[in-house]
C-alpha cells in the first residue's frame, strides 16, 4: 500500500524579509516513488519559522482526503512545536509557559487543524546535510522566495 511522504522546508532572506516555502510530496510503495508533486509559495515580509510552518501546512492542506503521511522537516521548531509544545499552548490558551502569547499562533492553529485530518508522523532531518529530498525542498523554498526578493521583477531574463 502506498504511503505519503512530504519533505518540507522554509527559507528567508533576512529574518524578517522575503521568504518562501517548498514541499516535495511523494506517494511511495517500499522504495518505489509512484507519484510526485512539488509546491512552492512565499511572502514579501516574513520569517524563516513562518515559512517552515507554511510548508508543513501546505503539504497537509493539499491532501484531498484523510491520509497517512510522514512529514520530513529540518525545522526542530516545527517538529518540537507540533509534537510537544502545542499541547501546553492549547491548555494555556495559546500562551507559553512564561504566560506570553505564542508566536505565530494563527499558523500553529492552522497546522493543528490540518494535521488532525490525517495520521501524521513527524521526522526531523539535519538541513543542508546532503539529504536529497530535503535539498530539493530547500530549492523549492528558495524558488518560492525568488519573486519577493528585492530587484526581482518576476520576469525571466
N, C-alpha and C. Protein backbone atom coordinates (compact mmCIF):
# COMPACT_ATOMS: atom_id res chain seq x y z
N UNK A 1 0.84 -1.19 0.00
CA UNK A 1 0.00 0.00 0.00
C UNK A 1 0.88 1.25 0.00
N UNK A 2 0.46 2.25 -0.74
CA UNK A 2 1.24 3.48 -0.87
C UNK A 2 1.19 4.29 0.42
N UNK A 3 2.28 4.97 0.68
CA UNK A 3 2.40 5.87 1.83
C UNK A 3 2.83 7.23 1.30
N UNK A 4 2.34 8.28 1.92
CA UNK A 4 2.72 9.63 1.52
C UNK A 4 3.85 10.14 2.39
N UNK A 5 4.82 10.79 1.74
CA UNK A 5 5.92 11.43 2.44
C UNK A 5 6.03 12.85 1.90
N UNK A 6 6.02 13.83 2.80
CA UNK A 6 6.16 15.23 2.41
C UNK A 6 7.45 15.77 3.00
N UNK A 7 8.36 16.19 2.13
CA UNK A 7 9.60 16.83 2.55
C UNK A 7 9.34 18.32 2.48
N UNK A 8 9.52 19.02 3.60
CA UNK A 8 9.15 20.43 3.68
C UNK A 8 10.34 21.28 4.09
N UNK A 9 10.35 22.52 3.61
CA UNK A 9 11.39 23.45 4.02
C UNK A 9 10.92 24.88 3.85
N UNK A 10 11.52 25.76 4.63
CA UNK A 10 11.26 27.19 4.53
C UNK A 10 12.58 27.91 4.36
N UNK A 11 12.52 29.09 3.76
CA UNK A 11 13.72 29.90 3.55
C UNK A 11 13.35 31.36 3.73
N UNK A 12 14.32 32.14 4.15
CA UNK A 12 14.09 33.57 4.34
C UNK A 12 15.39 34.31 4.05
N UNK A 13 15.28 35.45 3.37
CA UNK A 13 16.43 36.30 3.10
C UNK A 13 16.32 37.51 4.03
N UNK A 14 17.03 37.43 5.15
CA UNK A 14 16.78 38.38 6.23
C UNK A 14 15.71 37.72 7.09
N UNK A 15 15.63 38.12 8.33
CA UNK A 15 14.66 37.46 9.21
C UNK A 15 14.14 38.49 10.20
N UNK A 16 13.14 39.31 9.83
CA UNK A 16 12.23 39.12 8.69
C UNK A 16 12.79 39.63 7.37
N UNK A 17 12.14 39.18 6.33
CA UNK A 17 12.49 39.55 4.98
C UNK A 17 11.66 38.73 4.02
N UNK A 18 12.00 38.77 2.73
CA UNK A 18 11.27 37.93 1.78
C UNK A 18 11.54 36.46 2.09
N UNK A 19 10.49 35.65 1.97
CA UNK A 19 10.65 34.24 2.31
C UNK A 19 9.85 33.34 1.40
N UNK A 20 10.19 32.06 1.45
CA UNK A 20 9.48 31.09 0.65
C UNK A 20 9.41 29.75 1.35
N UNK A 21 8.51 28.92 0.88
CA UNK A 21 8.38 27.56 1.39
C UNK A 21 8.31 26.60 0.21
N UNK A 22 8.72 25.37 0.47
CA UNK A 22 8.69 24.35 -0.57
C UNK A 22 8.30 23.00 0.00
N UNK A 23 7.62 22.23 -0.84
CA UNK A 23 7.18 20.89 -0.46
C UNK A 23 7.45 19.94 -1.62
N UNK A 24 8.08 18.83 -1.32
CA UNK A 24 8.21 17.71 -2.24
C UNK A 24 7.32 16.61 -1.65
N UNK A 25 6.19 16.33 -2.30
CA UNK A 25 5.22 15.37 -1.80
C UNK A 25 5.29 14.12 -2.68
N UNK A 26 5.50 12.98 -2.04
CA UNK A 26 5.63 11.73 -2.78
C UNK A 26 4.69 10.67 -2.25
N UNK A 27 4.13 9.90 -3.17
CA UNK A 27 3.44 8.66 -2.83
C UNK A 27 4.45 7.56 -3.12
N UNK A 28 4.76 6.77 -2.09
CA UNK A 28 5.78 5.74 -2.24
C UNK A 28 5.22 4.39 -1.80
N UNK A 29 5.75 3.37 -2.43
CA UNK A 29 5.45 1.99 -2.03
C UNK A 29 6.80 1.29 -1.93
N UNK A 30 7.20 1.00 -0.70
CA UNK A 30 8.55 0.48 -0.49
C UNK A 30 9.54 1.55 -0.89
N UNK A 31 10.44 1.22 -1.80
CA UNK A 31 11.44 2.19 -2.30
C UNK A 31 10.99 2.85 -3.61
N UNK A 32 9.81 2.48 -4.10
CA UNK A 32 9.34 2.98 -5.39
C UNK A 32 8.49 4.23 -5.24
N UNK A 33 8.86 5.28 -5.97
CA UNK A 33 8.07 6.51 -5.99
C UNK A 33 6.98 6.33 -7.05
N UNK A 34 5.72 6.35 -6.61
CA UNK A 34 4.59 6.16 -7.52
C UNK A 34 4.16 7.47 -8.16
N UNK A 35 4.22 8.54 -7.38
CA UNK A 35 3.74 9.84 -7.85
C UNK A 35 4.49 10.91 -7.07
N UNK A 36 4.70 12.06 -7.71
CA UNK A 36 5.43 13.14 -7.06
C UNK A 36 4.79 14.47 -7.42
N UNK A 37 4.73 15.36 -6.44
CA UNK A 37 4.18 16.71 -6.66
C UNK A 37 5.07 17.70 -5.92
N UNK A 38 5.34 18.83 -6.54
CA UNK A 38 6.12 19.89 -5.92
C UNK A 38 5.26 21.13 -5.76
N UNK A 39 5.42 21.80 -4.61
CA UNK A 39 4.65 23.01 -4.33
C UNK A 39 5.58 24.08 -3.77
N UNK A 40 5.29 25.33 -4.09
CA UNK A 40 6.05 26.45 -3.56
C UNK A 40 5.11 27.61 -3.25
N UNK A 41 5.59 28.50 -2.44
CA UNK A 41 4.87 29.73 -2.15
C UNK A 41 5.81 30.65 -1.39
N UNK A 42 5.34 31.87 -1.14
CA UNK A 42 6.19 32.79 -0.41
C UNK A 42 5.46 34.05 -0.04
N UNK A 43 6.18 34.90 0.66
CA UNK A 43 5.65 36.18 1.12
C UNK A 43 6.74 37.23 1.05
N UNK A 44 6.34 38.49 0.90
CA UNK A 44 7.30 39.58 0.77
C UNK A 44 8.03 39.87 2.08
N UNK A 45 7.31 39.80 3.20
CA UNK A 45 7.92 40.07 4.51
C UNK A 45 7.44 39.00 5.48
N UNK A 46 8.38 38.17 5.91
CA UNK A 46 8.04 37.04 6.76
C UNK A 46 9.27 36.61 7.54
N UNK A 47 9.17 35.49 8.24
CA UNK A 47 10.31 34.93 8.96
C UNK A 47 10.54 33.49 8.52
N UNK A 48 11.72 33.00 8.82
CA UNK A 48 12.04 31.62 8.48
C UNK A 48 11.07 30.64 9.18
N UNK A 49 10.79 30.89 10.46
CA UNK A 49 9.88 30.00 11.18
C UNK A 49 8.49 29.97 10.55
N UNK A 50 8.00 31.12 10.12
CA UNK A 50 6.68 31.16 9.47
C UNK A 50 6.70 30.36 8.17
N UNK A 51 7.77 30.44 7.43
CA UNK A 51 7.86 29.70 6.17
C UNK A 51 7.99 28.19 6.41
N UNK A 52 8.70 27.81 7.47
CA UNK A 52 8.78 26.38 7.83
C UNK A 52 7.38 25.86 8.19
N UNK A 53 6.63 26.64 8.95
CA UNK A 53 5.26 26.26 9.29
C UNK A 53 4.38 26.18 8.05
N UNK A 54 4.50 27.17 7.16
CA UNK A 54 3.67 27.19 5.96
C UNK A 54 3.94 25.98 5.06
N UNK A 55 5.17 25.52 5.01
CA UNK A 55 5.48 24.35 4.19
C UNK A 55 4.72 23.13 4.71
N UNK A 56 4.74 22.93 6.02
CA UNK A 56 4.03 21.79 6.61
C UNK A 56 2.53 21.93 6.42
N UNK A 57 2.02 23.14 6.62
CA UNK A 57 0.59 23.40 6.43
C UNK A 57 0.19 23.11 4.99
N UNK A 58 0.95 23.63 4.05
CA UNK A 58 0.63 23.44 2.62
C UNK A 58 0.61 21.96 2.26
N UNK A 59 1.58 21.20 2.79
CA UNK A 59 1.64 19.77 2.50
C UNK A 59 0.36 19.07 2.98
N UNK A 60 -0.04 19.36 4.20
CA UNK A 60 -1.22 18.70 4.76
C UNK A 60 -2.51 19.18 4.12
N UNK A 61 -2.61 20.48 3.86
CA UNK A 61 -3.83 21.02 3.25
C UNK A 61 -4.01 20.58 1.80
N UNK A 62 -2.93 20.16 1.16
CA UNK A 62 -3.00 19.72 -0.24
C UNK A 62 -3.63 18.32 -0.37
N UNK A 63 -3.67 17.59 0.72
CA UNK A 63 -4.21 16.23 0.68
C UNK A 63 -5.73 16.29 0.68
N UNK A 64 -6.33 15.72 -0.36
CA UNK A 64 -7.77 15.85 -0.54
C UNK A 64 -8.59 14.97 0.39
N UNK A 65 -8.00 13.88 0.86
CA UNK A 65 -8.74 13.01 1.78
C UNK A 65 -7.82 12.62 2.94
N UNK A 66 -8.40 12.22 4.06
CA UNK A 66 -7.57 11.81 5.20
C UNK A 66 -6.57 10.73 4.77
N UNK A 67 -5.32 10.94 5.16
CA UNK A 67 -4.24 10.08 4.69
C UNK A 67 -3.24 9.83 5.80
N UNK A 68 -2.48 8.74 5.63
CA UNK A 68 -1.30 8.51 6.47
C UNK A 68 -0.15 9.21 5.76
N UNK A 69 0.52 10.09 6.46
CA UNK A 69 1.58 10.89 5.84
C UNK A 69 2.72 11.11 6.83
N UNK A 70 3.92 11.04 6.31
CA UNK A 70 5.10 11.38 7.10
C UNK A 70 5.58 12.74 6.63
N UNK A 71 5.70 13.68 7.56
CA UNK A 71 6.25 14.99 7.26
C UNK A 71 7.71 14.97 7.68
N UNK A 72 8.60 15.23 6.73
CA UNK A 72 10.04 15.28 7.00
C UNK A 72 10.46 16.74 6.94
N UNK A 73 10.94 17.26 8.06
CA UNK A 73 11.32 18.67 8.16
C UNK A 73 12.71 18.80 8.75
N UNK A 74 13.41 19.86 8.37
CA UNK A 74 14.69 20.15 9.01
C UNK A 74 14.52 21.22 10.10
N UNK A 75 13.27 21.52 10.42
CA UNK A 75 12.96 22.53 11.43
C UNK A 75 12.62 21.88 12.76
N UNK A 76 13.54 21.98 13.72
CA UNK A 76 13.27 21.49 15.07
C UNK A 76 12.11 22.29 15.67
N UNK A 77 12.01 23.57 15.30
CA UNK A 77 10.92 24.44 15.77
C UNK A 77 9.56 23.83 15.41
N UNK A 78 9.39 23.42 14.16
CA UNK A 78 8.12 22.84 13.73
C UNK A 78 7.90 21.48 14.38
N UNK A 79 8.90 20.61 14.30
CA UNK A 79 8.71 19.26 14.84
C UNK A 79 8.46 19.29 16.35
N UNK A 80 9.28 20.02 17.09
CA UNK A 80 9.10 20.09 18.55
C UNK A 80 7.81 20.79 18.92
N UNK A 81 7.47 21.82 18.16
CA UNK A 81 6.23 22.56 18.43
C UNK A 81 4.99 21.70 18.25
N UNK A 82 4.92 20.98 17.14
CA UNK A 82 3.71 20.24 16.82
C UNK A 82 3.60 18.92 17.58
N UNK A 83 4.74 18.36 18.00
CA UNK A 83 4.68 17.09 18.72
C UNK A 83 4.75 17.28 20.23
N UNK A 84 5.08 18.47 20.69
CA UNK A 84 5.23 18.67 22.13
C UNK A 84 4.62 19.94 22.66
N UNK A 85 5.21 21.06 22.31
CA UNK A 85 4.84 22.35 22.89
C UNK A 85 3.37 22.69 22.70
N UNK A 86 2.80 22.32 21.57
CA UNK A 86 1.44 22.74 21.22
C UNK A 86 0.41 22.29 22.25
N UNK A 87 0.64 21.14 22.88
CA UNK A 87 -0.32 20.63 23.86
C UNK A 87 -0.44 21.59 25.05
N UNK A 88 0.69 22.08 25.53
CA UNK A 88 0.69 23.06 26.63
C UNK A 88 0.11 24.39 26.20
N UNK A 89 0.45 24.81 24.98
CA UNK A 89 -0.08 26.08 24.48
C UNK A 89 -1.60 26.05 24.44
N UNK A 90 -2.15 24.96 23.95
CA UNK A 90 -3.61 24.86 23.86
C UNK A 90 -4.24 24.87 25.26
N UNK A 91 -3.62 24.14 26.19
CA UNK A 91 -4.12 24.11 27.57
C UNK A 91 -4.05 25.49 28.22
N UNK A 92 -3.01 26.26 27.86
CA UNK A 92 -2.78 27.58 28.46
C UNK A 92 -3.41 28.72 27.66
N UNK A 93 -4.35 28.41 26.77
CA UNK A 93 -5.00 29.47 25.98
C UNK A 93 -4.05 30.14 25.01
N UNK A 94 -3.18 29.34 24.38
CA UNK A 94 -2.20 29.82 23.41
C UNK A 94 -1.22 30.82 24.02
N UNK A 95 -0.82 30.48 25.24
CA UNK A 95 0.24 31.23 25.93
C UNK A 95 1.38 30.26 26.21
N UNK A 96 2.60 30.79 26.24
CA UNK A 96 3.77 29.98 26.56
C UNK A 96 3.79 29.70 28.06
N UNK A 97 4.75 28.90 28.49
CA UNK A 97 4.89 28.62 29.93
C UNK A 97 5.24 29.90 30.68
N UNK A 98 5.80 30.89 29.99
CA UNK A 98 6.10 32.19 30.60
C UNK A 98 4.91 33.14 30.51
N UNK A 99 3.74 32.61 30.11
CA UNK A 99 2.48 33.38 30.03
C UNK A 99 2.49 34.45 28.93
N UNK A 100 3.36 34.29 27.95
CA UNK A 100 3.40 35.22 26.82
C UNK A 100 2.65 34.60 25.65
N UNK A 101 2.08 35.43 24.76
CA UNK A 101 1.39 34.86 23.60
C UNK A 101 2.35 34.03 22.74
N UNK A 102 1.85 32.93 22.23
CA UNK A 102 2.64 32.06 21.35
C UNK A 102 2.88 32.80 20.04
N UNK A 103 4.14 32.85 19.62
CA UNK A 103 4.46 33.46 18.32
C UNK A 103 3.89 32.58 17.21
N UNK A 104 3.37 33.20 16.18
CA UNK A 104 2.81 32.51 15.02
C UNK A 104 1.61 31.64 15.38
N UNK A 105 0.87 32.04 16.40
CA UNK A 105 -0.25 31.23 16.90
C UNK A 105 -1.25 30.90 15.81
N UNK A 106 -1.52 31.83 14.90
CA UNK A 106 -2.51 31.55 13.85
C UNK A 106 -2.03 30.43 12.93
N UNK A 107 -0.72 30.36 12.69
CA UNK A 107 -0.19 29.28 11.86
C UNK A 107 -0.15 27.97 12.63
N UNK A 108 0.18 28.02 13.92
CA UNK A 108 0.14 26.80 14.73
C UNK A 108 -1.27 26.24 14.79
N UNK A 109 -2.28 27.11 14.92
CA UNK A 109 -3.67 26.65 14.93
C UNK A 109 -4.03 26.01 13.59
N UNK A 110 -3.59 26.62 12.52
CA UNK A 110 -3.87 26.09 11.19
C UNK A 110 -3.19 24.74 10.98
N UNK A 111 -1.95 24.62 11.45
CA UNK A 111 -1.23 23.35 11.34
C UNK A 111 -1.91 22.28 12.20
N UNK A 112 -2.32 22.65 13.39
CA UNK A 112 -3.00 21.71 14.28
C UNK A 112 -4.28 21.19 13.62
N UNK A 113 -5.07 22.08 13.05
CA UNK A 113 -6.30 21.67 12.37
C UNK A 113 -5.99 20.78 11.17
N UNK A 114 -4.98 21.14 10.39
CA UNK A 114 -4.64 20.37 9.20
C UNK A 114 -4.15 18.97 9.55
N UNK A 115 -3.38 18.85 10.61
CA UNK A 115 -2.84 17.53 10.96
C UNK A 115 -3.90 16.63 11.56
N UNK A 116 -4.95 17.20 12.16
CA UNK A 116 -5.98 16.37 12.77
C UNK A 116 -6.82 15.62 11.74
N UNK A 117 -6.76 16.02 10.48
CA UNK A 117 -7.48 15.30 9.42
C UNK A 117 -6.72 14.04 9.00
N UNK A 118 -5.47 13.93 9.40
CA UNK A 118 -4.59 12.88 8.89
C UNK A 118 -3.93 12.09 10.01
N UNK A 119 -3.31 10.98 9.63
CA UNK A 119 -2.47 10.20 10.54
C UNK A 119 -1.03 10.63 10.22
N UNK A 120 -0.50 11.56 11.01
CA UNK A 120 0.78 12.20 10.68
C UNK A 120 1.90 11.68 11.57
N UNK A 121 3.01 11.34 10.93
CA UNK A 121 4.25 11.02 11.62
C UNK A 121 5.22 12.14 11.28
N UNK A 122 5.90 12.66 12.29
CA UNK A 122 6.85 13.76 12.10
C UNK A 122 8.27 13.24 12.20
N UNK A 123 9.10 13.60 11.24
CA UNK A 123 10.52 13.23 11.26
C UNK A 123 11.37 14.48 11.06
N UNK A 124 12.46 14.55 11.81
CA UNK A 124 13.41 15.64 11.66
C UNK A 124 14.66 15.11 10.96
N UNK A 125 15.17 15.89 10.00
CA UNK A 125 16.46 15.59 9.37
C UNK A 125 17.33 16.83 9.47
N UNK A 126 18.63 16.63 9.52
CA UNK A 126 19.56 17.76 9.55
C UNK A 126 19.51 18.46 8.19
N UNK A 127 19.31 19.78 8.21
CA UNK A 127 19.28 20.55 6.98
C UNK A 127 20.66 20.74 6.37
N UNK A 128 20.70 20.88 5.08
CA UNK A 128 21.94 21.16 4.34
C UNK A 128 23.02 20.11 4.63
N UNK A 129 22.57 18.85 4.74
CA UNK A 129 23.49 17.77 5.07
C UNK A 129 23.50 16.70 3.97
N UNK A 130 23.06 17.09 2.77
CA UNK A 130 23.12 16.17 1.64
C UNK A 130 21.95 15.21 1.52
N UNK A 131 20.89 15.41 2.29
CA UNK A 131 19.68 14.58 2.17
C UNK A 131 18.98 15.04 0.88
N UNK A 132 18.94 14.20 -0.17
CA UNK A 132 18.46 14.66 -1.49
C UNK A 132 17.07 15.29 -1.47
N UNK A 133 16.12 14.69 -0.77
CA UNK A 133 14.76 15.23 -0.77
C UNK A 133 14.68 16.52 0.03
N UNK A 134 15.44 16.61 1.12
CA UNK A 134 15.48 17.86 1.88
C UNK A 134 16.14 18.96 1.06
N UNK A 135 17.17 18.61 0.32
CA UNK A 135 17.83 19.60 -0.55
C UNK A 135 16.86 20.09 -1.62
N UNK A 136 16.03 19.18 -2.16
CA UNK A 136 15.05 19.59 -3.17
C UNK A 136 14.00 20.51 -2.53
N UNK A 137 13.55 20.18 -1.32
CA UNK A 137 12.59 21.05 -0.64
C UNK A 137 13.19 22.43 -0.41
N UNK A 138 14.49 22.49 -0.10
CA UNK A 138 15.18 23.76 0.08
C UNK A 138 15.21 24.55 -1.24
N UNK A 139 15.48 23.86 -2.34
CA UNK A 139 15.47 24.53 -3.65
C UNK A 139 14.08 25.10 -3.95
N UNK A 140 13.05 24.33 -3.63
CA UNK A 140 11.67 24.79 -3.86
C UNK A 140 11.35 25.99 -2.98
N UNK A 141 11.82 25.97 -1.73
CA UNK A 141 11.59 27.11 -0.83
C UNK A 141 12.27 28.37 -1.38
N UNK A 142 13.50 28.22 -1.87
CA UNK A 142 14.19 29.38 -2.44
C UNK A 142 13.49 29.86 -3.70
N UNK A 143 12.93 28.93 -4.48
CA UNK A 143 12.16 29.32 -5.68
C UNK A 143 10.89 30.06 -5.27
N UNK A 144 10.26 29.65 -4.17
CA UNK A 144 9.07 30.34 -3.68
C UNK A 144 9.37 31.74 -3.19
N UNK A 145 10.59 31.94 -2.71
CA UNK A 145 11.02 33.25 -2.21
C UNK A 145 11.43 34.20 -3.36
N UNK A 146 11.92 33.63 -4.44
CA UNK A 146 12.53 34.42 -5.52
C UNK A 146 11.69 35.61 -6.00
N UNK A 147 10.39 35.45 -6.22
CA UNK A 147 9.61 36.61 -6.72
C UNK A 147 9.55 37.77 -5.75
N UNK A 148 9.87 37.54 -4.48
CA UNK A 148 9.73 38.57 -3.46
C UNK A 148 11.04 39.24 -3.10
N UNK A 149 12.13 38.75 -3.65
CA UNK A 149 13.44 39.33 -3.34
C UNK A 149 13.61 40.67 -4.04
N UNK A 150 14.29 41.61 -3.41
CA UNK A 150 14.49 42.95 -3.95
C UNK A 150 15.15 42.87 -5.33
N UNK A 151 14.65 43.69 -6.23
CA UNK A 151 15.23 43.77 -7.56
C UNK A 151 14.68 42.75 -8.53
N UNK A 152 13.83 41.84 -8.05
CA UNK A 152 13.25 40.84 -8.94
C UNK A 152 11.95 41.39 -9.53
N UNK A 153 11.78 41.18 -10.82
CA UNK A 153 10.56 41.64 -11.47
C UNK A 153 9.62 40.48 -11.73
N UNK A 154 10.10 39.26 -11.52
CA UNK A 154 9.27 38.10 -11.80
C UNK A 154 9.35 37.69 -13.25
N UNK A 155 10.16 38.41 -14.04
CA UNK A 155 10.30 38.09 -15.46
C UNK A 155 11.64 37.41 -15.70
N UNK A 156 11.64 36.49 -16.61
CA UNK A 156 12.88 35.82 -16.98
C UNK A 156 13.76 36.80 -17.76
N UNK A 157 15.07 36.59 -17.67
CA UNK A 157 15.91 37.44 -18.48
C UNK A 157 17.10 37.82 -17.84
